[in-house]
Amino acid sequence: MNSFVKYLCGLIVVFSMVACNSNVVYDNSVQVANPTWHCDSVAQFEVEIIDTTIDYESAILIRNSGDYMYQNLWLFVTEIAPDSTVVCDTIEYYLADNYGRWLGSGIGSLYTSLYYYKEDLNYSQTGVYRYEIRQGMRDEELKGITNVGIRIVGNKE
């Protein structure tokens, strides 16, 4: 019964996120090969921006299993603009609290978290922006991360 309640709560969260984000420009995730994310593996996303007159919000999706051994996750995020301008960021996200409880919504032993990456983001040019996300932990092979994704939402008023 407890698993069913978690499953139902997870569905409600997913449906509410979809309903509240009708301005989603891009939403995609990739599955990490095997149950390990190698430090050389890159999650790549291509986002086409058509409207430069509005602000955007970007978020990074992380799905982890209960096998993930750490509280936090370091990421290296690279944004490559259509004119080949490169912006690199190093980001730390917390997947668990100080007591080891997972912060994301979960079904079974999988937990999904959506972390804001940039708010009030203004793209200066139209075209395809490429995002590359690498894990930045000290482990060469990081176990327990199953999916990595990115979501871009336009703030149309």
Protein backbone atom coordinates (compact mmCIF):
# COMPACT_ATOMS: atom_id res chain seq x y z
CA MET A 1 0.00 0.00 0.00
CA ASN A 2 2.81 2.40 0.85
CA SER A 3 4.39 1.92 -2.61
CA PHE A 4 1.07 2.67 -4.27
CA VAL A 5 0.71 5.93 -2.33
CA LYS A 6 4.24 6.98 -3.34
CA TYR A 7 3.49 6.10 -6.96
CA LEU A 8 0.26 8.11 -6.89
CA CYS A 9 1.99 11.11 -5.29
CA GLY A 10 4.72 10.92 -7.94
CA LEU A 11 2.14 10.97 -10.73
CA ILE A 12 0.41 13.97 -9.21
CA VAL A 13 3.72 15.86 -9.00
CA VAL A 14 4.57 15.05 -12.63
CA PHE A 15 1.12 16.09 -13.91
CA SER A 16 1.19 19.31 -11.90
CA MET A 17 4.65 20.19 -13.25
CA VAL A 18 3.44 19.65 -16.81
CA ALA A 19 0.26 21.65 -16.23
CA CYS A 20 2.12 24.57 -14.63
CA ASN A 21 4.77 24.71 -17.34
CA SER A 22 2.83 25.38 -20.52
CA ASN A 23 5.68 27.65 -21.66
CA VAL A 24 8.20 24.80 -21.79
CA VAL A 25 10.56 25.41 -24.70
CA TYR A 26 12.69 22.31 -24.18
CA ASP A 27 12.48 19.34 -21.83
CA ASN A 28 14.64 16.30 -22.38
CA SER A 29 16.73 13.87 -20.39
CA VAL A 30 19.17 11.14 -21.26
CA GLN A 31 19.68 7.85 -19.54
CA VAL A 32 23.11 7.22 -18.09
CA ALA A 33 24.63 4.13 -19.70
CA ASN A 34 24.85 1.24 -17.25
CA PRO A 35 24.28 2.25 -13.67
CA THR A 36 27.48 4.35 -13.67
CA TRP A 37 28.21 7.82 -15.00
CA HIS A 38 31.82 7.91 -16.15
CA CYS A 39 33.64 11.22 -15.73
CA ASP A 40 34.28 11.33 -19.50
CA SER A 41 30.61 10.78 -20.41
CA VAL A 42 28.79 13.91 -21.53
CA ALA A 43 25.03 14.46 -21.54
CA GLN A 44 24.38 16.70 -24.58
CA PHE A 45 21.29 18.74 -25.36
CA GLU A 46 20.49 21.05 -28.28
CA VAL A 47 17.97 23.78 -27.53
CA GLU A 48 16.57 25.95 -30.31
CA ILE A 49 15.80 29.49 -29.18
CA ILE A 50 13.49 31.46 -31.45
CA ASP A 51 12.40 34.38 -29.23
CA THR A 52 15.08 36.62 -27.71
CA THR A 53 12.58 39.16 -26.32
CA ILE A 54 11.52 37.10 -23.30
CA ASP A 55 13.32 35.80 -20.23
CA TYR A 56 13.80 32.10 -19.63
CA GLU A 57 14.44 29.82 -16.70
CA SER A 58 16.60 26.75 -17.02
CA ALA A 59 16.64 23.75 -14.75
CA ILE A 60 18.64 20.56 -14.55
CA LEU A 61 16.92 17.26 -13.88
CA ILE A 62 18.72 14.57 -11.92
CA ARG A 63 17.31 11.10 -11.33
CA ASN A 64 19.16 8.95 -8.85
CA SER A 65 18.67 5.56 -7.31
CA GLY A 66 18.94 4.75 -3.63
CA ASP A 67 22.41 3.35 -4.46
CA TYR A 68 23.86 6.85 -4.84
CA MET A 69 26.52 7.11 -2.13
CA TYR A 70 26.72 10.86 -1.59
CA GLN A 71 24.61 13.73 -0.31
CA ASN A 72 25.63 16.11 -3.10
CA LEU A 73 26.47 16.09 -6.80
CA TRP A 74 28.96 18.35 -8.56
CA LEU A 75 28.26 19.11 -12.22
CA PHE A 76 30.22 20.85 -14.96
CA VAL A 77 27.76 22.60 -17.28
CA THR A 78 28.89 24.09 -20.59
CA GLU A 79 26.65 26.31 -22.73
CA ILE A 80 27.73 26.86 -26.33
CA ALA A 81 25.85 29.66 -28.11
CA PRO A 82 25.12 29.71 -31.85
CA ASP A 83 28.11 32.04 -32.38
CA SER A 84 30.36 29.50 -30.54
CA THR A 85 30.60 31.59 -27.35
CA VAL A 86 31.25 29.21 -24.47
CA VAL A 87 30.11 29.66 -20.85
CA CYS A 88 31.20 27.06 -18.26
CA ASP A 89 29.75 26.65 -14.78
CA THR A 90 30.54 24.38 -11.86
CA ILE A 91 27.44 23.63 -9.80
CA GLU A 92 26.78 21.71 -6.61
CA TYR A 93 23.32 20.26 -6.00
CA TYR A 94 22.17 18.44 -2.90
CA LEU A 95 20.32 15.19 -3.50
CA ALA A 96 19.86 14.28 0.19
CA ASP A 97 19.47 16.19 3.45
CA ASN A 98 21.81 15.93 6.44
CA TYR A 99 19.94 12.82 7.65
CA GLY A 100 20.34 10.94 4.37
CA ARG A 101 16.73 11.44 3.19
CA TRP A 102 16.46 12.00 -0.56
CA LEU A 103 15.19 15.45 -1.50
CA GLY A 104 13.55 14.59 -4.81
CA SER A 105 10.19 13.01 -5.45
CA GLY A 106 10.42 9.27 -5.64
CA ILE A 107 8.77 6.09 -6.72
CA GLY A 108 10.33 2.95 -5.33
CA SER A 109 14.08 3.46 -5.15
CA LEU A 110 14.28 6.17 -7.87
CA TYR A 111 14.25 9.86 -6.96
CA THR A 112 13.81 12.75 -9.38
CA SER A 113 14.96 16.27 -8.60
CA LEU A 114 14.62 19.42 -10.69
CA TYR A 115 17.17 22.12 -9.79
CA TYR A 116 17.04 25.66 -11.06
CA TYR A 117 20.16 26.41 -13.00
CA LYS A 118 19.61 29.98 -14.24
CA GLU A 119 16.66 32.29 -13.65
CA ASP A 120 15.94 35.46 -15.65
CA LEU A 121 18.04 34.06 -18.48
CA ASN A 122 18.04 36.16 -21.62
CA TYR A 123 19.33 34.58 -24.79
CA SER A 124 20.98 37.27 -26.92
CA GLN A 125 20.72 35.45 -30.24
CA THR A 126 18.39 33.04 -31.96
CA GLY A 127 19.56 29.61 -32.99
CA VAL A 128 20.66 26.36 -31.42
CA TYR A 129 22.33 26.47 -28.02
CA ARG A 130 24.21 23.34 -27.02
CA TYR A 131 24.40 22.26 -23.38
CA GLU A 132 26.90 19.70 -22.14
CA ILE A 133 26.67 18.28 -18.63
CA ARG A 134 29.43 16.20 -17.01
CA GLN A 135 29.63 14.83 -13.52
CA GLY A 136 32.28 16.56 -11.45
CA MET A 137 32.67 14.17 -8.54
CA ARG A 138 36.03 12.67 -7.61
CA ASP A 139 34.89 9.18 -8.58
CA GLU A 140 35.82 8.23 -12.11
CA GLU A 141 32.66 6.10 -12.28
CA LEU A 142 29.73 7.50 -10.35
CA LYS A 143 27.13 4.92 -9.37
CA GLY A 144 23.47 5.67 -8.74
CA ILE A 145 22.76 8.50 -11.22
CA THR A 146 20.32 7.13 -13.80
CA ASN A 147 19.19 10.19 -15.81
CA VAL A 148 20.36 13.72 -16.52
CA GLY A 149 18.23 16.31 -18.25
CA ILE A 150 17.57 19.96 -18.91
CA ARG A 151 14.38 22.02 -19.05
CA ILE A 152 14.05 25.51 -20.52
CA VAL A 153 10.87 27.49 -19.76
CA GLY A 154 9.95 30.81 -21.35
CA ASN A 155 8.53 33.44 -18.99
CA LYS A 156 5.83 34.91 -21.21
CA GLU A 157 3.78 37.51 -19.43
